[in-house]
Amino acid sequence: MILHALNGYYHRMLDDPDTEMPAYGTSIENISYALVLGEDGSLQAIEDLRVGEGNPSRPRKLPVPAAVTRTSGVKANFLWDKAAYVFGADGDGATEKNRERFAAFNDFLQVIGKEIDDAGFAAVEKFLSRWECTQSEEIVGRFQPWEEVCNANLVFRLDGIPGYIHDRPAVQREWLKFGQQDSAAPVGQCLISGEENVPLAGVHTPIKGVRGGQTSGGYIVSFNASAFVSYKQDKASVAETSAFAYTTALNALLAADSRQKISIGDTTYVFWAKRPMPLEPFLADVFAPSEAVGKESAEQDDRKTAKDIHGLLKAVRDGKKPTDFMPDLDTDVQFYILGLAPNAARLSIRFWQETSFGDLLDKIGKYYQELNIVRQYDSEPEFPPLWRLLVQTATLGKAENISPVLAGGLTRAMLTGCPYPQNLLPVVLDRIRAEHDVTYFRAALLKAYLLRNTKTEEVPVAFDPERKDSPYLLGRLFAVLEKAQEEAIPGANATVKDRYLGAVAATPQLVLPMLLKNSANHIAKLRKDSERRGRAIYLDRMIQDINCELDNYPKTQTPEQQGLFMIGYYHQRKNFFTKNIQEG
């Protein structure tokens, strides 16, 4: 099913003239330089194809004859390759191994091009026939710095003629003919397309771009032991054309500039729709909004997309239908999400979901309903991206300290509607105890967990003075005690929050009597100041009102009760700094 969906995406993109999806027999590779040749094979110039300003610049993505898979040994590409193959030399010089690579490049050219009648191809043949590997550094250095060229991928161009030699019609015809005449591949039925008697791929193209994976790429379809063989087949029955399609599509989704991928923990997620839709990169803005979102963008379309996504999220969070906000939105289109993680030379399938876009929006809407809580500061995001939430669970607030298990579980809960990971609550409480801080993001996570994973029927979005739950009232009480200390002793080095937040949440009966005694001293100090006497009366009355609703202080509280305690504390603290506007 995964391969079939990726194959469909490839053909969808191939039919779109505005995309750069390569056709069969080609691949998109990183190319840094073009060797400009005269018709006599002389090297006229070395053209720098790299893009980007400043240093370092990056290679240009170009379609070239499909790259070979180098698992071992020497294998050359056709009309493009690394300097070691094209020049027979690299940073180590013209070693014996590099000379072998140069010979393989030349031989492969002759095998395919023996019937090519083309001036550009002939120029490459002449260039190779007269090239001296030992003089590579000297000759190349006349045009470009050898240390930059010696490790780069190169293509060829005929002087005065636009385009590259590998794109010339006569060359392309022979390259495709060569691929079709490859009789070494076994024949069978393709499990993706269903076609019969088609050449089956022996080795599939490596998948690159998965965080933590090998730079050479990994595989989601591969075999290396007889234990994996079934039905007397030692390879998956995937046609060469289908293998090219699904690997090309997946590599395009995983490209560095793709807005259809995101990395959470040790897993990289890609997502796509069965049919074209303007909100296809929608999930990227849920996981990690682009820099253009919320800022003035250079393109009007970018501003409109950002506004549409924010409005759509608000609509689904508030329980409205997506089509109420965007009438033309196709909610029935199939949507696919694939999660990949590195596993040596292979890739593990961590997550796979096939659903309608409308169902996905419903799941995300419920997720944001549960997270919805009053923001501590107006500058904080109304729809917190997943990575911001996960960072709040990590030691020192560093992304590298995020638990992969927690990241995967929270992502799965968001996308499928399943319960949140059981370790989410203790992890958030541990970070609050360690840092003495109930942030907006942590309060949101606590609220979401209590609503979905426990029998808590309702957790308020903002301060609720009518709520009578003991944990919520205890949280409010602690916030008032902290406020009394802040006003009585401004600028104190350590507040009651810094010393007792975790302890009072876990064991109220042990800690609160001592804190109330100290609070009486704080309020007495405020009463002595005529300008702050009103504040003393206000805070003292709040403490008494909350205590009147409490039968007793429990000896201990469960983690779930501690979570509600932290929300009560957060709400009361926010209420202290919220201006009350009374209508006259």
Protein backbone atom coordinates (compact mmCIF):
# COMPACT_ATOMS: atom_id res chain seq x y z
CA MET A 1 0.00 0.00 0.00
CA ILE A 2 2.83 2.42 0.82
CA LEU A 3 4.65 1.75 -2.45
CA HIS A 4 1.40 2.00 -4.40
CA ALA A 5 0.59 5.40 -2.86
CA LEU A 6 4.11 6.71 -3.58
CA ASN A 7 3.89 5.43 -7.15
CA GLY A 8 0.60 7.31 -7.58
CA TYR A 9 2.17 10.49 -6.23
CA TYR A 10 5.06 10.19 -8.70
CA HIS A 11 2.75 9.93 -11.71
CA ARG A 12 0.60 12.76 -10.36
CA MET A 13 3.63 15.03 -10.12
CA LEU A 14 5.05 13.84 -13.44
CA ASP A 15 1.89 15.08 -15.17
CA ASP A 16 2.31 18.53 -13.61
CA PRO A 17 4.43 20.72 -15.91
CA ASP A 18 5.35 23.03 -13.02
CA THR A 19 7.19 20.33 -11.07
CA GLU A 20 10.72 19.02 -11.62
CA MET A 21 9.91 15.35 -11.16
CA PRO A 22 12.43 13.43 -13.29
CA ALA A 23 11.28 11.01 -15.95
CA TYR A 24 12.22 7.33 -15.93
CA GLY A 25 15.87 6.82 -16.65
CA THR A 26 16.91 10.03 -14.91
CA SER A 27 17.47 11.19 -11.35
CA ILE A 28 17.87 14.54 -9.62
CA GLU A 29 21.45 14.90 -8.38
CA ASN A 30 23.65 17.54 -6.78
CA ILE A 31 25.81 19.01 -9.56
CA SER A 32 28.42 21.66 -8.85
CA TYR A 33 30.30 22.26 -12.14
CA ALA A 34 29.93 21.86 -15.90
CA LEU A 35 32.99 21.13 -18.04
CA VAL A 36 32.68 23.34 -21.13
CA LEU A 37 34.24 21.54 -24.12
CA GLY A 38 35.16 22.61 -27.60
CA GLU A 39 34.13 20.32 -30.47
CA ASP A 40 37.71 19.04 -30.54
CA GLY A 41 37.41 17.88 -26.92
CA SER A 42 39.50 20.70 -25.46
CA LEU A 43 38.54 22.04 -22.04
CA GLN A 44 37.46 25.64 -22.62
CA ALA A 45 36.08 26.48 -19.17
CA ILE A 46 34.66 25.06 -15.98
CA GLU A 47 31.31 26.65 -15.23
CA ASP A 48 30.27 26.99 -11.59
CA LEU A 49 26.66 25.80 -11.32
CA ARG A 50 26.31 26.17 -7.58
CA VAL A 51 23.51 28.30 -6.19
CA GLY A 52 23.14 30.51 -3.15
CA GLU A 53 25.03 33.58 -2.07
CA GLY A 54 28.05 33.65 0.20
CA ASN A 55 30.23 30.80 1.29
CA PRO A 56 29.50 27.98 1.22
CA SER A 57 27.20 27.83 -1.79
CA ARG A 58 25.32 24.62 -2.50
CA PRO A 59 25.21 22.33 -5.56
CA ARG A 60 22.44 22.76 -8.10
CA LYS A 61 19.76 20.08 -8.42
CA LEU A 62 19.80 18.81 -12.02
CA PRO A 63 18.13 15.90 -13.82
CA VAL A 64 20.82 13.56 -15.14
CA PRO A 65 20.94 9.97 -16.43
CA ALA A 66 19.85 7.81 -13.49
CA ALA A 67 22.56 7.27 -10.90
CA VAL A 68 23.97 3.80 -10.39
CA THR A 69 23.71 2.18 -6.97
CA ARG A 70 27.20 1.81 -5.55
CA THR A 71 26.99 -0.82 -2.85
CA SER A 72 30.56 -1.93 -3.56
CA GLY A 73 33.14 -1.91 -6.33
CA VAL A 74 33.57 0.59 -9.13
CA LYS A 75 30.48 1.67 -11.08
CA ALA A 76 30.36 4.72 -13.33
CA ASN A 77 27.48 7.01 -14.19
CA PHE A 78 26.71 8.07 -17.74
CA LEU A 79 27.98 11.53 -18.79
CA TRP A 80 28.20 12.80 -15.20
CA ASP A 81 29.95 11.74 -12.04
CA LYS A 82 32.41 12.68 -9.33
CA ALA A 83 35.82 14.08 -10.23
CA ALA A 84 37.41 10.74 -9.37
CA TYR A 85 35.54 9.16 -12.32
CA VAL A 86 35.65 12.10 -14.76
CA PHE A 87 39.30 13.12 -14.15
CA GLY A 88 40.71 9.94 -12.64
CA ALA A 89 41.86 12.03 -9.68
CA ASP A 90 40.47 13.56 -6.51
CA GLY A 91 41.87 15.01 -3.31
CA ASP A 92 44.14 11.96 -2.98
CA GLY A 93 45.52 12.46 -6.48
CA ALA A 94 45.62 10.06 -9.44
CA THR A 95 45.67 6.88 -7.36
CA GLU A 96 45.38 3.43 -8.88
CA LYS A 97 41.76 3.23 -7.68
CA ASN A 98 40.95 6.57 -9.30
CA ARG A 99 42.51 5.46 -12.57
CA GLU A 100 40.27 2.40 -12.40
CA ARG A 101 37.28 4.69 -11.93
CA PHE A 102 38.34 6.83 -14.89
CA ALA A 103 38.62 3.73 -17.07
CA ALA A 104 35.17 2.54 -15.97
CA PHE A 105 33.68 5.94 -16.82
CA ASN A 106 35.23 5.82 -20.29
CA ASP A 107 34.25 2.19 -20.91
CA PHE A 108 30.63 2.76 -19.87
CA LEU A 109 30.49 5.74 -22.22
CA GLN A 110 31.66 3.55 -25.12
CA VAL A 111 29.17 0.77 -24.33
CA ILE A 112 26.19 3.12 -24.53
CA GLY A 113 27.47 5.55 -27.13
CA LYS A 114 28.80 3.30 -29.86
CA GLU A 115 25.91 4.30 -32.14
CA ILE A 116 25.51 7.91 -31.02
CA ASP A 117 26.17 10.42 -33.80
CA ASP A 118 26.30 13.71 -31.93
CA ALA A 119 28.89 16.49 -31.86
CA GLY A 120 28.57 16.98 -28.10
CA PHE A 121 29.01 13.29 -27.32
CA ALA A 122 31.98 13.13 -29.69
CA ALA A 123 33.56 16.07 -27.83
CA VAL A 124 33.33 14.14 -24.55
CA GLU A 125 34.98 11.10 -26.15
CA LYS A 126 37.84 13.24 -27.46
CA PHE A 127 38.21 14.93 -24.08
CA LEU A 128 38.56 11.60 -22.28
CA SER A 129 40.92 10.13 -24.86
CA ARG A 130 43.48 12.92 -24.40
CA TRP A 131 43.06 13.50 -20.66
CA GLU A 132 46.07 12.91 -18.40
CA CYS A 133 44.93 11.94 -14.91
CA THR A 134 48.22 12.99 -13.31
CA GLN A 135 47.79 16.57 -14.62
CA SER A 136 44.22 17.00 -13.33
CA GLU A 137 45.02 19.39 -10.52
CA GLU A 138 47.17 21.61 -12.73
CA ILE A 139 44.69 21.81 -15.63
CA VAL A 140 41.56 22.24 -13.52
CA GLY A 141 43.30 24.82 -11.35
CA ARG A 142 43.51 27.16 -14.33
CA PHE A 143 39.72 27.54 -14.24
CA GLN A 144 38.51 26.75 -10.69
CA PRO A 145 40.09 25.90 -7.32
CA TRP A 146 41.05 22.23 -7.42
CA GLU A 147 40.12 21.68 -3.77
CA GLU A 148 36.50 22.63 -4.58
CA VAL A 149 36.23 20.68 -7.83
CA CYS A 150 37.99 17.48 -6.76
CA ASN A 151 35.07 16.25 -4.62
CA ALA A 152 32.19 17.62 -6.71
CA ASN A 153 29.79 16.10 -9.25
CA LEU A 154 30.39 17.24 -12.85
CA VAL A 155 28.47 17.35 -16.13
CA PHE A 156 29.48 18.34 -19.68
CA ARG A 157 28.42 21.20 -21.95
CA LEU A 158 29.41 22.07 -25.50
CA ASP A 159 30.95 25.52 -25.83
CA GLY A 160 28.51 28.07 -27.26
CA ILE A 161 25.56 25.67 -27.12
CA PRO A 162 22.93 25.98 -24.32
CA GLY A 163 22.00 22.91 -22.33
CA TYR A 164 24.02 19.89 -21.24
CA ILE A 165 25.33 17.08 -23.40
CA HIS A 166 23.40 14.40 -21.51
CA ASP A 167 20.15 16.23 -22.47
CA ARG A 168 20.82 16.18 -26.23
CA PRO A 169 18.12 14.12 -28.07
CA ALA A 170 20.48 11.61 -29.69
CA VAL A 171 22.14 10.91 -26.33
CA GLN A 172 18.83 10.54 -24.50
CA ARG A 173 17.51 8.05 -27.09
CA GLU A 174 20.48 5.76 -26.66
CA TRP A 175 20.39 6.00 -22.87
CA LEU A 176 16.74 4.95 -22.76
CA LYS A 177 17.38 2.20 -25.30
CA PHE A 178 20.20 0.90 -23.14
CA GLY A 179 17.91 0.71 -20.12
CA GLN A 180 15.23 -1.15 -22.05
CA GLN A 181 17.70 -3.66 -23.50
CA ASP A 182 19.11 -4.68 -20.13
CA SER A 183 18.33 -8.40 -20.30
CA ALA A 184 19.98 -9.31 -17.00
CA ALA A 185 16.90 -8.36 -14.96
CA PRO A 186 14.43 -11.18 -14.17
CA VAL A 187 10.91 -10.90 -15.55
CA GLY A 188 7.72 -11.14 -13.50
CA GLN A 189 4.57 -9.39 -12.34
CA CYS A 190 4.93 -6.03 -10.64
CA LEU A 191 3.25 -5.93 -7.23
CA ILE A 192 2.64 -2.18 -7.59
CA SER A 193 1.25 -1.78 -11.11
CA GLY A 194 0.07 -5.35 -11.68
CA GLU A 195 1.83 -5.49 -15.05
CA GLU A 196 3.06 -8.92 -16.12
CA ASN A 197 6.28 -9.96 -17.86
CA VAL A 198 8.13 -6.77 -16.97
CA PRO A 199 11.79 -6.47 -15.88
CA LEU A 200 12.00 -6.51 -12.09
CA ALA A 201 14.33 -4.21 -10.18
CA GLY A 202 17.29 -5.95 -8.56
CA VAL A 203 18.40 -3.08 -6.31
CA HIS A 204 16.13 -0.14 -5.52
CA THR A 205 17.41 3.43 -5.42
CA PRO A 206 18.49 4.48 -1.89
CA ILE A 207 16.23 6.83 0.04
CA LYS A 208 18.02 9.97 1.28
CA GLY A 209 16.97 12.79 3.58
CA VAL A 210 15.82 10.83 6.65
CA ARG A 211 17.21 12.45 9.79
CA GLY A 212 19.95 10.32 11.30
CA GLY A 213 20.17 8.06 8.25
CA GLN A 214 23.29 7.29 6.26
CA THR A 215 24.33 9.99 3.81
CA SER A 216 24.43 7.35 1.07
CA GLY A 217 20.78 6.58 1.76
CA GLY A 218 18.79 3.65 3.08
CA TYR A 219 16.20 1.20 1.81
CA ILE A 220 12.61 0.42 2.68
CA VAL A 221 12.67 -2.61 0.37
CA SER A 222 15.75 -4.86 0.57
CA PHE A 223 16.82 -8.42 1.31
CA ASN A 224 20.16 -9.78 2.45
CA ALA A 225 19.51 -13.19 3.96
CA SER A 226 17.70 -16.40 2.98
CA ALA A 227 15.49 -16.05 6.08
CA PHE A 228 13.71 -13.17 4.37
CA VAL A 229 12.91 -15.11 1.18
CA SER A 230 9.30 -16.10 0.58
CA TYR A 231 7.44 -17.66 -2.32
CA LYS A 232 10.80 -18.66 -3.85
CA GLN A 233 11.65 -15.02 -4.57
CA ASP A 234 14.78 -13.38 -3.23
CA LYS A 235 13.66 -9.88 -4.23
CA ALA A 236 10.42 -7.94 -4.05
CA SER A 237 8.52 -8.19 -7.33
CA VAL A 238 8.70 -4.53 -8.25
CA ALA A 239 9.14 -3.50 -11.88
CA GLU A 240 12.13 -1.29 -12.65
CA THR A 241 9.80 1.53 -13.71
CA SER A 242 7.74 1.25 -10.52
CA ALA A 243 10.84 1.06 -8.31
CA PHE A 244 12.12 4.19 -9.99
CA ALA A 245 8.75 5.90 -9.48
CA TYR A 246 8.31 5.23 -5.77
CA THR A 247 11.93 5.96 -4.82
CA THR A 248 11.97 9.17 -6.87
CA ALA A 249 8.72 10.33 -5.29
CA LEU A 250 9.94 9.58 -1.76
CA ASN A 251 13.29 11.29 -2.35
CA ALA A 252 11.44 14.36 -3.67
CA LEU A 253 9.27 14.46 -0.54
CA LEU A 254 12.42 14.17 1.60
CA ALA A 255 14.36 16.88 -0.25
CA ALA A 256 15.98 19.59 1.87
CA ASP A 257 13.59 22.31 0.64
CA SER A 258 10.43 20.17 0.82
CA ARG A 259 7.48 21.58 2.78
CA GLN A 260 5.94 18.13 2.86
CA LYS A 261 8.24 16.69 5.50
CA ILE A 262 9.01 17.32 9.14
CA SER A 263 11.30 15.64 11.65
CA ILE A 264 10.03 14.91 15.16
CA GLY A 265 12.42 13.09 17.48
CA ASP A 266 14.18 10.36 15.52
CA THR A 267 11.38 10.03 12.95
CA THR A 268 10.98 11.92 9.68
CA TYR A 269 7.40 12.27 8.44
CA VAL A 270 6.35 12.94 4.85
CA PHE A 271 2.79 13.57 3.70
CA TRP A 272 0.97 13.98 0.41
CA ALA A 273 -2.50 13.94 -1.13
CA LYS A 274 -3.87 11.68 -3.82
CA ARG A 275 -4.99 14.70 -5.85
CA PRO A 276 -3.56 18.24 -6.02
CA MET A 277 -4.80 20.56 -3.29
CA PRO A 278 -3.55 23.99 -2.12
CA LEU A 279 -3.26 22.88 1.52
CA GLU A 280 -1.09 19.83 0.83
CA PRO A 281 1.78 21.21 3.00
CA PHE A 282 -0.81 21.81 5.75
CA LEU A 283 0.81 19.46 8.28
CA ALA A 284 4.16 21.23 8.04
CA ASP A 285 2.49 24.33 9.46
CA VAL A 286 0.92 22.28 12.26
CA PHE A 287 4.22 20.65 13.22
CA ALA A 288 6.52 23.61 12.57
CA PRO A 289 5.22 26.77 10.85
CA SER A 290 7.49 28.29 8.24
CA GLU A 291 9.18 31.63 8.89
CA ALA A 292 6.72 33.32 6.56
CA VAL A 293 3.71 32.40 8.70
CA GLY A 294 2.65 35.36 10.80
CA LYS A 295 5.16 37.67 9.11
CA GLU A 296 5.04 39.91 6.09
CA SER A 297 5.84 37.68 3.15
CA ALA A 298 7.21 38.73 -0.19
CA GLU A 299 4.51 36.79 -2.00
CA GLN A 300 0.80 37.46 -1.68
CA ASP A 301 0.06 33.76 -2.10
CA ASP A 302 2.22 32.95 0.95
CA ARG A 303 0.31 35.46 3.07
CA LYS A 304 -3.02 34.08 1.90
CA THR A 305 -1.94 30.49 2.62
CA ALA A 306 -0.78 31.41 6.13
CA LYS A 307 -4.07 33.18 6.79
CA ASP A 308 -6.08 30.27 5.39
CA ILE A 309 -4.23 27.74 7.57
CA HIS A 310 -4.74 29.82 10.72
CA GLY A 311 -8.42 30.29 9.91
CA LEU A 312 -8.84 26.61 9.10
CA LEU A 313 -7.21 25.54 12.37
CA LYS A 314 -9.44 27.94 14.29
CA ALA A 315 -12.53 26.58 12.56
CA VAL A 316 -11.78 22.90 13.22
CA ARG A 317 -10.69 23.63 16.82
CA ASP A 318 -14.00 25.38 17.48
CA GLY A 319 -15.92 22.38 16.13
CA LYS A 320 -16.95 23.91 12.80
CA LYS A 321 -16.85 22.12 9.47
CA PRO A 322 -13.72 22.90 7.39
CA THR A 323 -15.97 23.73 4.42
CA ASP A 324 -17.66 26.45 6.48
CA PHE A 325 -14.36 28.34 6.31
CA MET A 326 -13.15 27.12 2.90
CA PRO A 327 -16.17 26.12 0.78
CA ASP A 328 -14.01 24.83 -2.09
CA LEU A 329 -11.91 22.55 0.14
CA ASP A 330 -12.05 18.90 -0.94
CA THR A 331 -12.26 17.02 2.36
CA ASP A 332 -12.79 13.63 0.68
CA VAL A 333 -9.38 13.50 -0.98
CA GLN A 334 -7.16 10.70 0.32
CA PHE A 335 -4.24 11.87 2.43
CA TYR A 336 -1.14 9.82 3.28
CA ILE A 337 1.37 10.19 6.14
CA LEU A 338 4.54 8.11 6.31
CA GLY A 339 7.01 8.11 9.21
CA LEU A 340 10.56 6.81 8.63
CA ALA A 341 13.44 6.24 11.04
CA PRO A 342 17.01 5.11 10.31
CA ASN A 343 18.00 1.51 10.96
CA ALA A 344 21.57 0.84 9.73
CA ALA A 345 21.41 0.64 5.92
CA ARG A 346 17.64 0.27 6.01
CA LEU A 347 14.75 2.48 7.03
CA SER A 348 12.11 1.50 9.56
CA ILE A 349 8.47 2.28 8.91
CA ARG A 350 7.47 3.97 12.16
CA PHE A 351 4.10 5.33 11.08
CA TRP A 352 1.69 4.91 8.21
CA GLN A 353 -1.75 6.44 7.91
CA GLU A 354 -4.13 6.59 4.97
CA THR A 355 -7.19 8.69 5.64
CA SER A 356 -9.37 11.39 4.14
CA PHE A 357 -8.28 14.98 4.54
CA GLY A 358 -11.55 15.73 6.31
CA ASP A 359 -11.00 12.97 8.88
CA LEU A 360 -7.46 14.21 9.47
CA LEU A 361 -8.79 17.73 10.07
CA ASP A 362 -11.29 16.35 12.58
CA LYS A 363 -8.48 14.63 14.51
CA ILE A 364 -6.34 17.78 14.50
CA GLY A 365 -9.35 19.89 15.50
CA LYS A 366 -9.96 17.67 18.54
CA TYR A 367 -6.26 17.84 19.39
CA TYR A 368 -6.31 21.65 19.42
CA GLN A 369 -9.58 21.70 21.36
CA GLU A 370 -7.87 19.72 24.11
CA LEU A 371 -4.75 21.93 24.04
CA ASN A 372 -6.74 25.16 24.03
CA ILE A 373 -5.90 27.17 27.16
CA VAL A 374 -5.49 30.87 27.87
CA ARG A 375 -2.07 32.07 26.76
CA GLN A 376 0.38 33.43 29.29
CA TYR A 377 1.57 36.08 26.79
CA ASP A 378 -0.16 37.38 23.66
CA SER A 379 3.01 36.71 21.65
CA GLU A 380 2.68 32.96 22.20
CA PRO A 381 1.14 30.93 19.35
CA GLU A 382 -2.58 30.29 19.50
CA PHE A 383 -1.93 26.92 17.83
CA PRO A 384 1.35 25.71 19.35
CA PRO A 385 3.41 23.62 16.90
CA LEU A 386 4.25 20.12 18.07
CA TRP A 387 7.98 20.75 18.34
CA ARG A 388 7.38 23.66 20.76
CA LEU A 389 5.36 21.37 23.00
CA LEU A 390 7.95 18.59 22.89
CA VAL A 391 10.79 20.95 23.77
CA GLN A 392 8.91 21.73 27.00
CA THR A 393 9.33 18.06 28.01
CA ALA A 394 13.09 17.97 27.36
CA THR A 395 15.94 18.59 29.77
CA LEU A 396 17.35 22.12 29.41
CA GLY A 397 14.72 22.74 26.71
CA LYS A 398 16.98 21.24 24.04
CA ALA A 399 15.55 19.41 21.05
CA GLU A 400 18.24 16.72 21.21
CA ASN A 401 16.96 15.75 24.66
CA ILE A 402 13.41 15.02 23.47
CA SER A 403 12.44 11.39 24.12
CA PRO A 404 11.90 9.64 20.74
CA VAL A 405 9.24 7.42 22.33
CA LEU A 406 7.34 10.42 23.69
CA ALA A 407 7.69 12.31 20.39
CA GLY A 408 6.35 9.37 18.39
CA GLY A 409 3.49 8.75 20.81
CA LEU A 410 2.40 12.40 20.87
CA THR A 411 2.52 12.59 17.08
CA ARG A 412 0.44 9.41 16.79
CA ALA A 413 -2.10 10.76 19.27
CA MET A 414 -2.40 13.98 17.30
CA LEU A 415 -2.88 12.31 13.92
CA THR A 416 -5.01 9.30 14.88
CA GLY A 417 -6.95 10.41 17.94
CA CYS A 418 -5.52 7.63 20.14
CA PRO A 419 -4.67 8.33 23.83
CA TYR A 420 -1.61 10.39 24.64
CA PRO A 421 1.49 8.49 25.81
CA GLN A 422 1.22 7.40 29.45
CA ASN A 423 4.61 8.94 30.23
CA LEU A 424 3.51 12.40 29.05
CA LEU A 425 1.99 13.40 32.42
CA PRO A 426 4.95 12.39 34.64
CA VAL A 427 7.45 13.90 32.20
CA VAL A 428 5.68 17.29 32.18
CA LEU A 429 5.35 17.25 35.98
CA ASP A 430 9.05 16.39 36.30
CA ARG A 431 10.04 19.36 34.13
CA ILE A 432 7.79 21.68 36.18
CA ARG A 433 9.40 20.46 39.42
CA ALA A 434 12.89 20.81 37.96
CA GLU A 435 12.39 24.29 36.49
CA HIS A 436 9.72 25.63 38.89
CA ASP A 437 7.72 26.97 35.95
CA VAL A 438 4.23 26.17 34.65
CA THR A 439 4.48 27.55 31.11
CA TYR A 440 1.66 27.99 28.61
CA PHE A 441 2.84 24.95 26.67
CA ARG A 442 3.07 22.71 29.74
CA ALA A 443 -0.35 23.80 30.97
CA ALA A 444 -1.76 23.01 27.52
CA LEU A 445 -0.20 19.53 27.57
CA LEU A 446 -1.57 18.84 31.04
CA LYS A 447 -5.06 19.93 29.99
CA ALA A 448 -4.98 17.78 26.85
CA TYR A 449 -3.78 14.72 28.76
CA LEU A 450 -6.45 15.05 31.48
CA LEU A 451 -9.24 15.43 28.92
CA ARG A 452 -8.26 12.48 26.73
CA ASN A 453 -6.56 10.00 29.04
CA THR A 454 -8.53 10.35 32.29
CA LYS A 455 -12.17 10.59 33.26
CA THR A 456 -11.91 14.32 33.75
CA GLU A 457 -15.04 15.59 32.00
CA GLU A 458 -13.97 19.20 31.63
CA VAL A 459 -10.88 21.32 32.21
CA PRO A 460 -11.50 25.06 31.82
CA VAL A 461 -9.74 27.05 29.14
CA ALA A 462 -9.32 30.08 31.42
CA PHE A 463 -9.70 30.99 35.10
CA ASP A 464 -12.88 29.49 36.58
CA PRO A 465 -13.76 30.91 40.04
CA GLU A 466 -16.76 28.56 40.24
CA ARG A 467 -14.78 25.35 39.97
CA LYS A 468 -14.72 23.40 43.27
CA ASP A 469 -12.29 20.54 42.54
CA SER A 470 -9.89 20.24 45.46
CA PRO A 471 -6.71 20.03 43.25
CA TYR A 472 -7.78 23.06 41.20
CA LEU A 473 -8.53 25.07 44.38
CA LEU A 474 -5.22 24.03 45.95
CA GLY A 475 -3.39 25.26 42.84
CA ARG A 476 -5.20 28.58 43.05
CA LEU A 477 -4.42 28.85 46.77
CA PHE A 478 -0.71 28.32 46.19
CA ALA A 479 -0.74 31.03 43.47
CA VAL A 480 -2.32 33.49 45.95
CA LEU A 481 0.29 32.65 48.61
CA GLU A 482 3.04 33.26 46.06
CA LYS A 483 1.46 36.58 45.06
CA ALA A 484 1.32 37.70 48.71
CA GLN A 485 5.03 37.00 49.11
CA GLU A 486 5.90 38.81 45.85
CA GLU A 487 4.09 41.97 46.95
CA ALA A 488 5.42 41.88 50.52
CA ILE A 489 9.03 41.06 49.56
CA PRO A 490 9.58 42.29 45.99
CA GLY A 491 12.74 40.97 44.36
CA ALA A 492 13.16 38.01 46.71
CA ASN A 493 15.96 35.67 45.60
CA ALA A 494 13.79 32.57 46.00
CA THR A 495 9.99 32.54 46.13
CA VAL A 496 7.71 29.85 47.51
CA LYS A 497 7.29 28.68 43.92
CA ASP A 498 11.02 28.03 43.59
CA ARG A 499 11.11 26.05 46.85
CA TYR A 500 7.77 24.34 47.23
CA LEU A 501 5.87 24.10 43.90
CA GLY A 502 6.53 20.38 43.42
CA ALA A 503 6.18 19.53 47.11
CA VAL A 504 2.87 21.30 47.69
CA ALA A 505 1.37 19.69 44.58
CA ALA A 506 2.35 16.19 45.74
CA THR A 507 1.86 16.55 49.54
CA PRO A 508 -0.40 19.53 50.33
CA GLN A 509 -1.03 18.59 53.97
CA LEU A 510 2.68 18.56 54.74
CA VAL A 511 3.53 21.92 53.15
CA LEU A 512 0.47 24.21 53.15
CA PRO A 513 0.16 24.91 56.91
CA MET A 514 3.70 26.26 57.00
CA LEU A 515 3.09 28.35 53.86
CA LEU A 516 -0.14 29.79 55.31
CA LYS A 517 1.71 30.81 58.47
CA ASN A 518 4.34 32.62 56.40
CA SER A 519 1.63 34.18 54.26
CA ALA A 520 0.05 35.70 57.38
CA ASN A 521 3.32 37.51 58.01
CA HIS A 522 3.44 38.74 54.40
CA ILE A 523 -0.10 40.11 54.58
CA ALA A 524 0.60 41.74 57.95
CA LYS A 525 3.56 43.51 56.37
CA LEU A 526 1.36 44.79 53.55
CA ARG A 527 -1.24 46.10 56.04
CA LYS A 528 1.40 48.31 57.65
CA ASP A 529 1.84 50.19 54.37
CA SER A 530 -1.11 52.53 53.92
CA GLU A 531 -0.72 52.47 50.13
CA ARG A 532 -0.88 48.66 50.00
CA ARG A 533 -3.44 47.99 52.70
CA GLY A 534 -6.13 47.39 50.08
CA ARG A 535 -4.00 44.69 48.45
CA ALA A 536 -3.51 43.01 51.82
CA ILE A 537 -7.27 42.86 52.41
CA TYR A 538 -7.88 41.57 48.85
CA LEU A 539 -5.31 38.75 49.11
CA ASP A 540 -6.36 37.78 52.64
CA ARG A 541 -9.98 37.53 51.51
CA MET A 542 -8.99 35.35 48.55
CA ILE A 543 -7.12 32.95 50.83
CA GLN A 544 -10.11 32.70 53.15
CA ASP A 545 -12.60 32.23 50.29
CA ILE A 546 -10.57 29.39 48.78
CA ASN A 547 -10.03 27.72 52.17
CA CYS A 548 -13.76 27.80 52.82
CA GLU A 549 -14.28 25.55 49.78
CA LEU A 550 -11.71 22.99 50.99
CA ASP A 551 -12.74 20.34 53.51
CA ASN A 552 -9.13 19.44 54.27
CA TYR A 553 -5.67 19.34 52.77
CA PRO A 554 -5.00 15.85 51.34
CA LYS A 555 -1.86 14.03 52.46
CA THR A 556 -0.92 13.18 48.87
CA GLN A 557 -2.20 13.76 45.35
CA THR A 558 -2.08 11.45 42.35
CA PRO A 559 -0.24 12.59 39.19
CA GLU A 560 -3.62 13.38 37.61
CA GLN A 561 -4.56 15.55 40.60
CA GLN A 562 -1.16 17.24 40.45
CA GLY A 563 -1.83 18.04 36.81
CA LEU A 564 -5.12 19.75 37.70
CA PHE A 565 -3.30 21.53 40.57
CA MET A 566 -0.81 22.99 38.08
CA ILE A 567 -3.65 24.17 35.82
CA GLY A 568 -5.39 25.87 38.77
CA TYR A 569 -2.11 27.53 39.70
CA TYR A 570 -1.53 28.63 36.07
CA HIS A 571 -5.07 30.04 35.73
CA GLN A 572 -4.84 32.01 38.98
CA ARG A 573 -1.44 33.45 38.08
CA LYS A 574 -2.74 34.47 34.66
CA ASN A 575 -5.81 36.05 36.26
CA PHE A 576 -3.63 38.25 38.48
CA PHE A 577 -2.16 39.86 35.38
CA THR A 578 -5.39 40.06 33.35
CA LYS A 579 -7.06 43.46 33.36
CA ASN A 580 -10.69 43.19 34.43
CA ILE A 581 -12.89 45.42 32.32
CA GLN A 582 -16.24 46.29 33.84
CA GLU A 583 -19.01 47.66 31.70
CA GLY A 584 -20.51 50.84 33.05
